Amino acid sequence: MKQRTAKWDNLKFFLILCVVTGHFMMRMSDQPNARRVMLFIYLFHMPAFIFLSGMMSKTTIAMRRYDRMLGYLSAFFWIKVILFLIKIIGSKKFELNLLDMGDISWYAFVLFIYCLLTVFLERFRPAWVIGMAVLLALLSGYDASIGSWLSAARLINYYPIFLCGYYIDPERLISFTKRLPVRIGSIVIIGAAAGIVFMKIDKIWWLLAVLRGRFPYAEFEHLSQQGALLRLCWYIGAGLLILAWIALMPDRKCIFSEWGSRTLVVYVLHYIPLTVFFRGLHGKDLAIQSGHCTLVLAGAAIFTTILLSLKPFAVINKIIIPPARKEKMRSSL
């Protein structure tokens, strides 16, 4: 049990590091190497996070822990507040896009909806629920009206991945990924994906629109009519990469295992140091002048992730997650 917990915490820290790194690289997406790192990360990082969130939500959904579900909604609220304050300080604009979730707030919001929705759908057969979710996601891309409002596009497109995590048996998954052929195959899969991205970045950069899961097929630069096939290939490819990272992730407690238990705080707060780096420290000029743009951005992302993962910031969890009301003991008559 301890090994399993360590594996998931290790994976969570790795994924939140990918999230922060991806957001740093996004600010410098005109640089070829930043594009390479960003596209490679986007192949798997949010599908893996959604999958892991589904797997970790079993108890929350089964026991109807609405207080935990509300924690996601609270995180969404605090992200919006932080982004609002950043906009006021940075551009003096008092603008709040509460229901338009083209920013990082979408993840917390969709997890809240996923948990509520799965409470109702868990009474049906898993194969039917997943099948209908996949079909809806594949067809929804042809509707150009589905976008970032209430994060509708991502809400639909990532739900099949959440369901796969929710229904999967963690013990069987770990047993499967411990096999030597699976681990060797995992190295091959990750290496092949990285090689293709790093060698063919100019030809496949347009795939980012597919990987972000928020755009209708009409926005795809190529093969918009085959958008459903592209999305299905994305599901399959992301699934293989998720299995690969699980297989290669250490199942022993590491220095960053404890940090992996505080990923929500990092996700909520990381835009603050990111903004300080690019606006206050002129990080874009700093990265370009250094001659090692990608390394500077990666270093800033690693520093940000580790800093926000430290114990003092864990106190913020008590602010983000609303405390559940203690029920009074009823005396029996």
C-alpha atoms as a PDB file:
ATOM      1  CA  MET A   1       0.000   0.000   0.000  1.00  0.00           C
ATOM      2  CA  LYS A   2       2.887   2.364   0.849  1.00  0.00           C
ATOM      3  CA  GLN A   3       4.579   1.551  -2.450  1.00  0.00           C
ATOM      4  CA  ARG A   4       1.374   2.261  -4.360  1.00  0.00           C
ATOM      5  CA  THR A   5       0.911   5.558  -2.583  1.00  0.00           C
ATOM      6  CA  ALA A   6       4.521   6.525  -3.279  1.00  0.00           C
ATOM      7  CA  LYS A   7       4.113   5.692  -6.967  1.00  0.00           C
ATOM      8  CA  TRP A   8       1.038   7.905  -7.315  1.00  0.00           C
ATOM      9  CA  ASP A   9       2.623  10.756  -5.356  1.00  0.00           C
ATOM     10  CA  ASN A  10       5.748  10.513  -7.510  1.00  0.00           C
ATOM     11  CA  LEU A  11       3.619  10.579 -10.629  1.00  0.00           C
ATOM     12  CA  LYS A  12       1.584  13.541  -9.369  1.00  0.00           C
ATOM     13  CA  PHE A  13       4.705  15.582  -8.690  1.00  0.00           C
ATOM     14  CA  PHE A  14       6.103  14.731 -12.123  1.00  0.00           C
ATOM     15  CA  LEU A  15       2.835  15.773 -13.770  1.00  0.00           C
ATOM     16  CA  ILE A  16       2.495  19.070 -11.895  1.00  0.00           C
ATOM     17  CA  LEU A  17       6.084  19.805 -12.877  1.00  0.00           C
ATOM     18  CA  CYS A  18       5.047  19.177 -16.490  1.00  0.00           C
ATOM     19  CA  VAL A  19       2.055  21.510 -16.083  1.00  0.00           C
ATOM     20  CA  VAL A  20       4.191  24.363 -14.748  1.00  0.00           C
ATOM     21  CA  THR A  21       6.918  23.747 -17.329  1.00  0.00           C
ATOM     22  CA  GLY A  22       4.354  23.746 -20.121  1.00  0.00           C
ATOM     23  CA  HIS A  23       2.990  27.117 -18.999  1.00  0.00           C
ATOM     24  CA  PHE A  24       6.493  28.597 -18.852  1.00  0.00           C
ATOM     25  CA  MET A  25       7.298  27.266 -22.324  1.00  0.00           C
ATOM     26  CA  MET A  26       4.004  28.591 -23.674  1.00  0.00           C
ATOM     27  CA  ARG A  27       5.197  32.168 -23.054  1.00  0.00           C
ATOM     28  CA  MET A  28       8.165  31.464 -25.362  1.00  0.00           C
ATOM     29  CA  SER A  29       6.444  29.314 -27.967  1.00  0.00           C
ATOM     30  CA  ASP A  30       8.163  31.276 -30.740  1.00  0.00           C
ATOM     31  CA  GLN A  31      11.394  29.490 -29.772  1.00  0.00           C
ATOM     32  CA  PRO A  32      11.858  26.067 -31.496  1.00  0.00           C
ATOM     33  CA  ASN A  33      13.146  24.187 -28.448  1.00  0.00           C
ATOM     34  CA  ALA A  34      10.435  25.628 -26.209  1.00  0.00           C
ATOM     35  CA  ARG A  35       7.927  24.380 -28.775  1.00  0.00           C
ATOM     36  CA  ARG A  36       9.448  20.931 -28.684  1.00  0.00           C
ATOM     37  CA  VAL A  37       9.266  20.635 -24.916  1.00  0.00           C
ATOM     38  CA  MET A  38       5.771  22.093 -24.817  1.00  0.00           C
ATOM     39  CA  LEU A  39       4.323  19.796 -27.501  1.00  0.00           C
ATOM     40  CA  PHE A  40       5.896  16.713 -25.931  1.00  0.00           C
ATOM     41  CA  ILE A  41       4.426  17.614 -22.528  1.00  0.00           C
ATOM     42  CA  TYR A  42       1.000  18.234 -24.020  1.00  0.00           C
ATOM     43  CA  LEU A  43       0.959  14.728 -25.468  1.00  0.00           C
ATOM     44  CA  PHE A  44       0.231  13.283 -22.036  1.00  0.00           C
ATOM     45  CA  HIS A  45       0.307  15.658 -19.047  1.00  0.00           C
ATOM     46  CA  MET A  46      -3.360  16.697 -18.732  1.00  0.00           C
ATOM     47  CA  PRO A  47      -4.783  13.310 -19.830  1.00  0.00           C
ATOM     48  CA  ALA A  48      -2.547  11.693 -17.194  1.00  0.00           C
ATOM     49  CA  PHE A  49      -3.661  14.166 -14.530  1.00  0.00           C
ATOM     50  CA  ILE A  50      -7.335  13.613 -15.401  1.00  0.00           C
ATOM     51  CA  PHE A  51      -6.833   9.827 -15.406  1.00  0.00           C
ATOM     52  CA  LEU A  52      -5.111   9.946 -12.025  1.00  0.00           C
ATOM     53  CA  SER A  53      -7.827  12.248 -10.652  1.00  0.00           C
ATOM     54  CA  GLY A  54     -10.468   9.742 -11.714  1.00  0.00           C
ATOM     55  CA  MET A  55      -8.598   6.913 -10.016  1.00  0.00           C
ATOM     56  CA  MET A  56      -8.168   8.945  -6.816  1.00  0.00           C
ATOM     57  CA  SER A  57     -11.860   9.926  -6.781  1.00  0.00           C
ATOM     58  CA  LYS A  58     -13.195   6.409  -6.153  1.00  0.00           C
ATOM     59  CA  THR A  59     -13.777   6.958  -2.436  1.00  0.00           C
ATOM     60  CA  THR A  60     -15.033  10.514  -2.912  1.00  0.00           C
ATOM     61  CA  ILE A  61     -17.695   9.380  -5.380  1.00  0.00           C
ATOM     62  CA  ALA A  62     -18.605   6.082  -3.708  1.00  0.00           C
ATOM     63  CA  MET A  63     -19.024   7.686  -0.280  1.00  0.00           C
ATOM     64  CA  ARG A  64     -20.710  10.804  -1.703  1.00  0.00           C
ATOM     65  CA  ARG A  65     -18.060  13.071  -0.173  1.00  0.00           C
ATOM     66  CA  TYR A  66     -19.549  16.307  -1.440  1.00  0.00           C
ATOM     67  CA  ASP A  67     -17.234  18.290   0.825  1.00  0.00           C
ATOM     68  CA  ARG A  68     -14.245  16.998  -1.157  1.00  0.00           C
ATOM     69  CA  MET A  69     -16.011  17.706  -4.431  1.00  0.00           C
ATOM     70  CA  LEU A  70     -16.663  21.250  -3.275  1.00  0.00           C
ATOM     71  CA  GLY A  71     -12.928  21.601  -2.750  1.00  0.00           C
ATOM     72  CA  TYR A  72     -12.462  21.568  -6.533  1.00  0.00           C
ATOM     73  CA  LEU A  73     -15.059  24.306  -6.937  1.00  0.00           C
ATOM     74  CA  SER A  74     -13.321  26.312  -4.228  1.00  0.00           C
ATOM     75  CA  ALA A  75      -9.978  25.865  -6.047  1.00  0.00           C
ATOM     76  CA  PHE A  76     -11.646  27.124  -9.230  1.00  0.00           C
ATOM     77  CA  PHE A  77     -12.850  30.210  -7.372  1.00  0.00           C
ATOM     78  CA  TRP A  78      -9.406  30.993  -5.943  1.00  0.00           C
ATOM     79  CA  ILE A  79      -7.729  30.583  -9.333  1.00  0.00           C
ATOM     80  CA  LYS A  80     -10.180  33.095 -10.792  1.00  0.00           C
ATOM     81  CA  VAL A  81      -9.459  35.515  -7.929  1.00  0.00           C
ATOM     82  CA  ILE A  82      -5.695  35.208  -8.438  1.00  0.00           C
ATOM     83  CA  LEU A  83      -5.962  35.719 -12.211  1.00  0.00           C
ATOM     84  CA  PHE A  84      -8.247  38.715 -11.608  1.00  0.00           C
ATOM     85  CA  LEU A  85      -5.708  40.313  -9.245  1.00  0.00           C
ATOM     86  CA  ILE A  86      -2.852  39.609 -11.660  1.00  0.00           C
ATOM     87  CA  LYS A  87      -4.775  41.364 -14.418  1.00  0.00           C
ATOM     88  CA  ILE A  88      -5.484  44.368 -12.199  1.00  0.00           C
ATOM     89  CA  ILE A  89      -1.839  44.705 -11.117  1.00  0.00           C
ATOM     90  CA  GLY A  90      -0.367  44.002 -14.533  1.00  0.00           C
ATOM     91  CA  SER A  91      -2.677  45.836 -16.933  1.00  0.00           C
ATOM     92  CA  LYS A  92      -4.947  47.916 -14.642  1.00  0.00           C
ATOM     93  CA  LYS A  93      -7.972  46.193 -16.158  1.00  0.00           C
ATOM     94  CA  PHE A  94     -10.885  45.237 -13.945  1.00  0.00           C
ATOM     95  CA  GLU A  95     -12.040  42.281 -16.058  1.00  0.00           C
ATOM     96  CA  LEU A  96     -13.310  38.987 -14.709  1.00  0.00           C
ATOM     97  CA  ASN A  97     -14.231  36.147 -17.053  1.00  0.00           C
ATOM     98  CA  LEU A  98     -15.962  33.971 -14.503  1.00  0.00           C
ATOM     99  CA  LEU A  99     -17.771  31.585 -16.846  1.00  0.00           C
ATOM    100  CA  ASP A 100     -15.274  31.651 -19.716  1.00  0.00           C
ATOM    101  CA  MET A 101     -12.627  29.093 -18.796  1.00  0.00           C
ATOM    102  CA  GLY A 102      -9.976  29.474 -21.422  1.00  0.00           C
ATOM    103  CA  ASP A 103      -7.494  29.888 -18.554  1.00  0.00           C
ATOM    104  CA  ILE A 104      -6.105  27.342 -16.063  1.00  0.00           C
ATOM    105  CA  SER A 105      -9.286  27.361 -13.946  1.00  0.00           C
ATOM    106  CA  TRP A 106     -10.943  24.778 -16.210  1.00  0.00           C
ATOM    107  CA  TYR A 107      -9.224  21.791 -14.578  1.00  0.00           C
ATOM    108  CA  ALA A 108     -10.645  22.401 -11.104  1.00  0.00           C
ATOM    109  CA  PHE A 109     -14.111  23.123 -12.504  1.00  0.00           C
ATOM    110  CA  VAL A 110     -14.343  19.981 -14.648  1.00  0.00           C
ATOM    111  CA  LEU A 111     -13.224  17.756 -11.752  1.00  0.00           C
ATOM    112  CA  PHE A 112     -16.082  19.142  -9.679  1.00  0.00           C
ATOM    113  CA  ILE A 113     -18.559  18.365 -12.481  1.00  0.00           C
ATOM    114  CA  TYR A 114     -17.014  14.947 -13.185  1.00  0.00           C
ATOM    115  CA  CYS A 115     -17.455  13.823  -9.580  1.00  0.00           C
ATOM    116  CA  LEU A 116     -21.077  14.963  -9.450  1.00  0.00           C
ATOM    117  CA  LEU A 117     -21.862  13.414 -12.829  1.00  0.00           C
ATOM    118  CA  THR A 118     -20.201  10.107 -11.985  1.00  0.00           C
ATOM    119  CA  VAL A 119     -22.224   9.825  -8.774  1.00  0.00           C
ATOM    120  CA  PHE A 120     -25.268   9.493 -11.029  1.00  0.00           C
ATOM    121  CA  LEU A 121     -23.694   7.430 -13.833  1.00  0.00           C
ATOM    122  CA  GLU A 122     -21.967   4.828 -11.664  1.00  0.00           C
ATOM    123  CA  ARG A 123     -25.236   2.880 -11.454  1.00  0.00           C
ATOM    124  CA  PHE A 124     -24.862   1.967 -15.146  1.00  0.00           C
ATOM    125  CA  ARG A 125     -22.445  -0.489 -16.724  1.00  0.00           C
ATOM    126  CA  PRO A 126     -18.942   0.971 -17.109  1.00  0.00           C
ATOM    127  CA  ALA A 127     -18.581  -0.156 -20.737  1.00  0.00           C
ATOM    128  CA  TRP A 128     -21.791   1.664 -21.679  1.00  0.00           C
ATOM    129  CA  VAL A 129     -20.862   4.846 -19.788  1.00  0.00           C
ATOM    130  CA  ILE A 130     -17.344   5.008 -21.268  1.00  0.00           C
ATOM    131  CA  GLY A 131     -18.626   4.150 -24.750  1.00  0.00           C
ATOM    132  CA  MET A 132     -21.238   6.914 -24.694  1.00  0.00           C
ATOM    133  CA  ALA A 133     -18.714   9.405 -23.287  1.00  0.00           C
ATOM    134  CA  VAL A 134     -16.244   8.605 -26.075  1.00  0.00           C
ATOM    135  CA  LEU A 135     -18.930   8.866 -28.759  1.00  0.00           C
ATOM    136  CA  LEU A 136     -20.091  12.230 -27.416  1.00  0.00           C
ATOM    137  CA  ALA A 137     -16.522  13.519 -27.300  1.00  0.00           C
ATOM    138  CA  LEU A 138     -15.803  12.422 -30.874  1.00  0.00           C
ATOM    139  CA  LEU A 139     -18.972  14.019 -32.254  1.00  0.00           C
ATOM    140  CA  SER A 140     -18.839  17.220 -30.184  1.00  0.00           C
ATOM    141  CA  GLY A 141     -15.859  18.529 -32.144  1.00  0.00           C
ATOM    142  CA  TYR A 142     -18.087  19.107 -35.173  1.00  0.00           C
ATOM    143  CA  ASP A 143     -20.147  21.616 -33.151  1.00  0.00           C
ATOM    144  CA  ALA A 144     -18.301  24.933 -33.406  1.00  0.00           C
ATOM    145  CA  SER A 145     -20.465  26.470 -30.655  1.00  0.00           C
ATOM    146  CA  ILE A 146     -18.862  24.261 -27.983  1.00  0.00           C
ATOM    147  CA  GLY A 147     -15.874  26.137 -26.593  1.00  0.00           C
ATOM    148  CA  SER A 148     -14.435  27.549 -23.390  1.00  0.00           C
ATOM    149  CA  TRP A 149     -17.726  28.795 -21.915  1.00  0.00           C
ATOM    150  CA  LEU A 150     -18.162  26.682 -18.772  1.00  0.00           C
ATOM    151  CA  SER A 151     -15.218  24.770 -20.204  1.00  0.00           C
ATOM    152  CA  ALA A 152     -17.743  22.790 -22.252  1.00  0.00           C
ATOM    153  CA  ALA A 153     -15.257  21.433 -24.803  1.00  0.00           C
ATOM    154  CA  ARG A 154     -12.751  20.171 -22.259  1.00  0.00           C
ATOM    155  CA  LEU A 155     -15.538  18.987 -19.991  1.00  0.00           C
ATOM    156  CA  ILE A 156     -16.742  16.657 -22.741  1.00  0.00           C
ATOM    157  CA  ASN A 157     -13.383  15.705 -24.237  1.00  0.00           C
ATOM    158  CA  TYR A 158     -11.595  14.696 -21.029  1.00  0.00           C
ATOM    159  CA  TYR A 159     -14.485  12.875 -19.375  1.00  0.00           C
ATOM    160  CA  PRO A 160     -13.756   9.488 -21.033  1.00  0.00           C
ATOM    161  CA  ILE A 161     -10.226   9.675 -19.595  1.00  0.00           C
ATOM    162  CA  PHE A 162     -11.574  10.460 -16.111  1.00  0.00           C
ATOM    163  CA  LEU A 163     -13.944   7.496 -16.362  1.00  0.00           C
ATOM    164  CA  CYS A 164     -11.132   5.137 -17.375  1.00  0.00           C
ATOM    165  CA  GLY A 165      -9.230   6.185 -14.267  1.00  0.00           C
ATOM    166  CA  TYR A 166     -12.310   5.836 -12.095  1.00  0.00           C
ATOM    167  CA  TYR A 167     -13.207   2.327 -13.257  1.00  0.00           C
ATOM    168  CA  ILE A 168      -9.708   0.857 -13.451  1.00  0.00           C
ATOM    169  CA  ASP A 169      -8.371  -1.386 -10.697  1.00  0.00           C
ATOM    170  CA  PRO A 170      -5.140   0.236  -9.379  1.00  0.00           C
ATOM    171  CA  GLU A 171      -3.727  -3.073  -8.149  1.00  0.00           C
ATOM    172  CA  ARG A 172      -4.141  -4.746 -11.536  1.00  0.00           C
ATOM    173  CA  LEU A 173      -2.737  -1.674 -13.238  1.00  0.00           C
ATOM    174  CA  ILE A 174       0.414  -1.732 -11.099  1.00  0.00           C
ATOM    175  CA  SER A 175       0.776  -5.489 -11.541  1.00  0.00           C
ATOM    176  CA  PHE A 176       0.534  -5.071 -15.317  1.00  0.00           C
ATOM    177  CA  THR A 177       3.024  -2.204 -15.505  1.00  0.00           C
ATOM    178  CA  LYS A 178       5.594  -4.093 -13.406  1.00  0.00           C
ATOM    179  CA  ARG A 179       6.146  -6.658 -16.149  1.00  0.00           C
ATOM    180  CA  LEU A 180       9.527  -6.389 -17.836  1.00  0.00           C
ATOM    181  CA  PRO A 181       8.132  -6.370 -21.439  1.00  0.00           C
ATOM    182  CA  VAL A 182       5.777  -3.531 -20.443  1.00  0.00           C
ATOM    183  CA  ARG A 183       8.633  -1.483 -18.995  1.00  0.00           C
ATOM    184  CA  ILE A 184      10.805  -2.053 -22.054  1.00  0.00           C
ATOM    185  CA  GLY A 185       7.861  -1.118 -24.281  1.00  0.00           C
ATOM    186  CA  SER A 186       7.308   1.988 -22.158  1.00  0.00           C
ATOM    187  CA  ILE A 187      10.853   3.191 -22.824  1.00  0.00           C
ATOM    188  CA  VAL A 188      10.320   2.618 -26.534  1.00  0.00           C
ATOM    189  CA  ILE A 189       6.970   4.476 -26.559  1.00  0.00           C
ATOM    190  CA  ILE A 190       8.261   7.527 -24.672  1.00  0.00           C
ATOM    191  CA  GLY A 191      11.486   7.586 -26.684  1.00  0.00           C
ATOM    192  CA  ALA A 192       9.610   7.340 -29.987  1.00  0.00           C
ATOM    193  CA  ALA A 193       7.188  10.104 -29.016  1.00  0.00           C
ATOM    194  CA  ALA A 194      10.019  12.394 -27.914  1.00  0.00           C
ATOM    195  CA  GLY A 195      12.031  11.630 -31.048  1.00  0.00           C
ATOM    196  CA  ILE A 196       9.146  12.410 -33.401  1.00  0.00           C
ATOM    197  CA  VAL A 197       8.335  15.663 -31.612  1.00  0.00           C
ATOM    198  CA  PHE A 198      11.930  16.879 -31.471  1.00  0.00           C
ATOM    199  CA  MET A 199      12.707  16.005 -35.107  1.00  0.00           C
ATOM    200  CA  LYS A 200       9.402  16.930 -36.772  1.00  0.00           C
ATOM    201  CA  ILE A 201       8.269  19.897 -34.658  1.00  0.00           C
ATOM    202  CA  ASP A 202       7.697  22.231 -37.624  1.00  0.00           C
ATOM    203  CA  LYS A 203       5.454  19.710 -39.364  1.00  0.00           C
ATOM    204  CA  ILE A 204       3.411  18.613 -36.356  1.00  0.00           C
ATOM    205  CA  TRP A 205       3.173  21.820 -34.298  1.00  0.00           C
ATOM    206  CA  TRP A 206      -0.421  22.215 -35.512  1.00  0.00           C
ATOM    207  CA  LEU A 207      -1.307  19.118 -33.461  1.00  0.00           C
ATOM    208  CA  LEU A 208      -1.268  21.315 -30.349  1.00  0.00           C
ATOM    209  CA  ALA A 209      -4.843  22.331 -31.202  1.00  0.00           C
ATOM    210  CA  VAL A 210      -5.822  18.653 -30.974  1.00  0.00           C
ATOM    211  CA  LEU A 211      -3.921  18.036 -27.742  1.00  0.00           C
ATOM    212  CA  ARG A 212      -5.383  20.995 -25.848  1.00  0.00           C
ATOM    213  CA  GLY A 213      -8.885  19.540 -26.165  1.00  0.00           C
ATOM    214  CA  ARG A 214     -10.667  22.901 -26.264  1.00  0.00           C
ATOM    215  CA  PHE A 215     -11.045  23.640 -29.978  1.00  0.00           C
ATOM    216  CA  PRO A 216     -13.655  22.428 -32.487  1.00  0.00           C
ATOM    217  CA  TYR A 217     -12.383  20.485 -35.471  1.00  0.00           C
ATOM    218  CA  ALA A 218     -12.843  23.523 -37.724  1.00  0.00           C
ATOM    219  CA  GLU A 219      -9.863  25.100 -35.920  1.00  0.00           C
ATOM    220  CA  PHE A 220      -7.507  22.293 -36.934  1.00  0.00           C
ATOM    221  CA  GLU A 221      -4.985  23.390 -39.511  1.00  0.00           C
ATOM    222  CA  HIS A 222      -5.113  20.031 -41.253  1.00  0.00           C
ATOM    223  CA  LEU A 223      -7.694  17.267 -41.603  1.00  0.00           C
ATOM    224  CA  SER A 224     -10.566  19.154 -39.939  1.00  0.00           C
ATOM    225  CA  GLN A 225     -13.065  16.739 -41.500  1.00  0.00           C
ATOM    226  CA  GLN A 226     -11.166  13.843 -39.947  1.00  0.00           C
ATOM    227  CA  GLY A 227     -11.208  15.527 -36.531  1.00  0.00           C
ATOM    228  CA  ALA A 228     -12.987  12.629 -34.828  1.00  0.00           C
ATOM    229  CA  LEU A 229     -10.286  10.228 -36.018  1.00  0.00           C
ATOM    230  CA  LEU A 230      -7.573  12.587 -34.790  1.00  0.00           C
ATOM    231  CA  ARG A 231      -9.234  12.823 -31.373  1.00  0.00           C
ATOM    232  CA  LEU A 232      -9.546   9.036 -31.180  1.00  0.00           C
ATOM    233  CA  CYS A 233      -5.841   8.696 -32.051  1.00  0.00           C
ATOM    234  CA  TRP A 234      -5.096  11.237 -29.314  1.00  0.00           C
ATOM    235  CA  TYR A 235      -6.984   9.102 -26.777  1.00  0.00           C
ATOM    236  CA  ILE A 236      -5.060   5.993 -27.804  1.00  0.00           C
ATOM    237  CA  GLY A 237      -1.675   7.727 -27.885  1.00  0.00           C
ATOM    238  CA  ALA A 238      -2.257   9.477 -24.547  1.00  0.00           C
ATOM    239  CA  GLY A 239      -3.372   6.169 -23.018  1.00  0.00           C
ATOM    240  CA  LEU A 240      -0.159   4.457 -24.106  1.00  0.00           C
ATOM    241  CA  LEU A 241       1.958   7.297 -22.721  1.00  0.00           C
ATOM    242  CA  ILE A 242       0.054   7.257 -19.413  1.00  0.00           C
ATOM    243  CA  LEU A 243       0.731   3.530 -19.037  1.00  0.00           C
ATOM    244  CA  ALA A 244       4.355   4.093 -19.990  1.00  0.00           C
ATOM    245  CA  TRP A 245       4.926   6.780 -17.351  1.00  0.00           C
ATOM    246  CA  ILE A 246       3.179   4.681 -14.696  1.00  0.00           C
ATOM    247  CA  ALA A 247       5.409   1.724 -15.565  1.00  0.00           C
ATOM    248  CA  LEU A 248       8.598   3.775 -15.307  1.00  0.00           C
ATOM    249  CA  MET A 249       7.636   5.825 -12.252  1.00  0.00           C
ATOM    250  CA  PRO A 250       9.475   4.640  -9.115  1.00  0.00           C
ATOM    251  CA  ASP A 251       7.261   2.961  -6.526  1.00  0.00           C
ATOM    252  CA  ARG A 252       9.550   3.818  -3.640  1.00  0.00           C
ATOM    253  CA  LYS A 253       9.414   6.943  -1.539  1.00  0.00           C
ATOM    254  CA  CYS A 254      11.671   9.624  -3.000  1.00  0.00           C
ATOM    255  CA  ILE A 255      12.575  13.149  -1.997  1.00  0.00           C
ATOM    256  CA  PHE A 256       9.705  14.470  -4.096  1.00  0.00           C
ATOM    257  CA  SER A 257       7.073  11.932  -2.951  1.00  0.00           C
ATOM    258  CA  GLU A 258       5.820  14.233  -0.200  1.00  0.00           C
ATOM    259  CA  TRP A 259       5.677  17.123  -2.648  1.00  0.00           C
ATOM    260  CA  GLY A 260       3.362  15.058  -4.813  1.00  0.00           C
ATOM    261  CA  SER A 261       0.672  15.285  -2.137  1.00  0.00           C
ATOM    262  CA  ARG A 262       0.441  19.087  -2.576  1.00  0.00           C
ATOM    263  CA  THR A 263      -0.175  19.415  -6.298  1.00  0.00           C
ATOM    264  CA  LEU A 264      -3.451  21.317  -5.895  1.00  0.00           C
ATOM    265  CA  VAL A 265      -1.675  24.181  -4.116  1.00  0.00           C
ATOM    266  CA  VAL A 266       0.961  24.315  -6.865  1.00  0.00           C
ATOM    267  CA  TYR A 267      -1.715  24.363  -9.557  1.00  0.00           C
ATOM    268  CA  VAL A 268      -3.663  27.167  -7.890  1.00  0.00           C
ATOM    269  CA  LEU A 269      -0.656  29.392  -7.109  1.00  0.00           C
ATOM    270  CA  HIS A 270       1.881  28.817  -9.879  1.00  0.00           C
ATOM    271  CA  TYR A 271       0.677  31.687 -12.067  1.00  0.00           C
ATOM    272  CA  ILE A 272       1.907  34.153  -9.429  1.00  0.00           C
ATOM    273  CA  PRO A 273       5.648  33.291  -9.698  1.00  0.00           C
ATOM    274  CA  LEU A 274       5.186  32.776 -13.447  1.00  0.00           C
ATOM    275  CA  THR A 275       3.893  36.344 -13.774  1.00  0.00           C
ATOM    276  CA  VAL A 276       6.668  37.675 -11.532  1.00  0.00           C
ATOM    277  CA  PHE A 277       9.268  35.938 -13.693  1.00  0.00           C
ATOM    278  CA  PHE A 278       8.007  37.230 -17.033  1.00  0.00           C
ATOM    279  CA  ARG A 279       6.791  40.697 -15.996  1.00  0.00           C
ATOM    280  CA  GLY A 280       8.808  41.604 -12.927  1.00  0.00           C
ATOM    281  CA  LEU A 281      12.097  39.966 -13.891  1.00  0.00           C
ATOM    282  CA  HIS A 282      11.626  40.319 -17.678  1.00  0.00           C
ATOM    283  CA  GLY A 283      12.118  36.602 -18.009  1.00  0.00           C
ATOM    284  CA  LYS A 284      11.667  36.529 -21.773  1.00  0.00           C
ATOM    285  CA  ASP A 285      14.604  38.876 -22.365  1.00  0.00           C
ATOM    286  CA  LEU A 286      16.610  37.095 -19.678  1.00  0.00           C
ATOM    287  CA  ALA A 287      16.052  33.702 -21.317  1.00  0.00           C
ATOM    288  CA  ILE A 288      16.939  34.938 -24.805  1.00  0.00           C
ATOM    289  CA  GLN A 289      20.053  36.832 -23.676  1.00  0.00           C
ATOM    290  CA  SER A 290      21.338  33.801 -21.784  1.00  0.00           C
ATOM    291  CA  GLY A 291      21.622  31.829 -25.001  1.00  0.00           C
ATOM    292  CA  HIS A 292      20.009  28.850 -23.264  1.00  0.00           C
ATOM    293  CA  CYS A 293      16.348  29.817 -23.418  1.00  0.00           C
ATOM    294  CA  THR A 294      14.843  26.391 -22.768  1.00  0.00           C
ATOM    295  CA  LEU A 295      17.170  25.627 -19.857  1.00  0.00           C
ATOM    296  CA  VAL A 296      16.363  28.969 -18.168  1.00  0.00           C
ATOM    297  CA  LEU A 297      12.625  28.357 -18.538  1.00  0.00           C
ATOM    298  CA  ALA A 298      12.934  24.766 -17.296  1.00  0.00           C
ATOM    299  CA  GLY A 299      14.974  25.938 -14.312  1.00  0.00           C
ATOM    300  CA  ALA A 300      12.379  28.591 -13.451  1.00  0.00           C
ATOM    301  CA  ALA A 301       9.587  26.007 -13.737  1.00  0.00           C
ATOM    302  CA  ILE A 302      11.418  23.507 -11.509  1.00  0.00           C
ATOM    303  CA  PHE A 303      12.146  26.200  -8.909  1.00  0.00           C
ATOM    304  CA  THR A 304       8.496  27.335  -8.936  1.00  0.00           C
ATOM    305  CA  THR A 305       7.159  23.791  -8.566  1.00  0.00           C
ATOM    306  CA  ILE A 306       9.491  22.849  -5.717  1.00  0.00           C
ATOM    307  CA  LEU A 307       8.967  26.156  -3.914  1.00  0.00           C
ATOM    308  CA  LEU A 308       5.173  25.864  -3.936  1.00  0.00           C
ATOM    309  CA  SER A 309       5.406  22.185  -2.923  1.00  0.00           C
ATOM    310  CA  LEU A 310       7.193  22.966   0.328  1.00  0.00           C
ATOM    311  CA  LYS A 311       5.467  22.475   3.660  1.00  0.00           C
ATOM    312  CA  PRO A 312       4.728  26.157   4.464  1.00  0.00           C
ATOM    313  CA  PHE A 313       2.477  26.397   1.419  1.00  0.00           C
ATOM    314  CA  ALA A 314       0.508  23.340   2.558  1.00  0.00           C
ATOM    315  CA  VAL A 315      -1.290  25.655   4.987  1.00  0.00           C
ATOM    316  CA  ILE A 316      -2.979  27.240   1.988  1.00  0.00           C
ATOM    317  CA  ASN A 317      -4.796  23.931   1.462  1.00  0.00           C
ATOM    318  CA  LYS A 318      -6.954  24.825   4.456  1.00  0.00           C
ATOM    319  CA  ILE A 319      -8.010  28.004   2.657  1.00  0.00           C
ATOM    320  CA  ILE A 320      -8.548  26.349  -0.718  1.00  0.00           C
ATOM    321  CA  ILE A 321     -10.460  23.355   0.620  1.00  0.00           C
ATOM    322  CA  PRO A 322     -13.498  24.434   2.655  1.00  0.00           C
ATOM    323  CA  PRO A 323     -13.766  22.586   5.991  1.00  0.00           C
ATOM    324  CA  ALA A 324     -16.665  20.169   6.305  1.00  0.00           C
ATOM    325  CA  ARG A 325     -19.266  20.929   8.957  1.00  0.00           C
ATOM    326  CA  LYS A 326     -18.989  18.662  11.968  1.00  0.00           C
ATOM    327  CA  GLU A 327     -22.206  16.820  12.567  1.00  0.00           C
ATOM    328  CA  LYS A 328     -23.506  16.887  16.098  1.00  0.00           C
ATOM    329  CA  MET A 329     -23.934  13.587  17.822  1.00  0.00           C
ATOM    330  CA  ARG A 330     -27.553  12.668  18.140  1.00  0.00           C
ATOM    331  CA  SER A 331     -28.555  11.134  21.412  1.00  0.00           C
ATOM    332  CA  SER A 332     -30.647   8.014  21.062  1.00  0.00           C
ATOM    333  CA  LEU A 333     -33.931   7.861  22.985  1.00  0.00           C
END
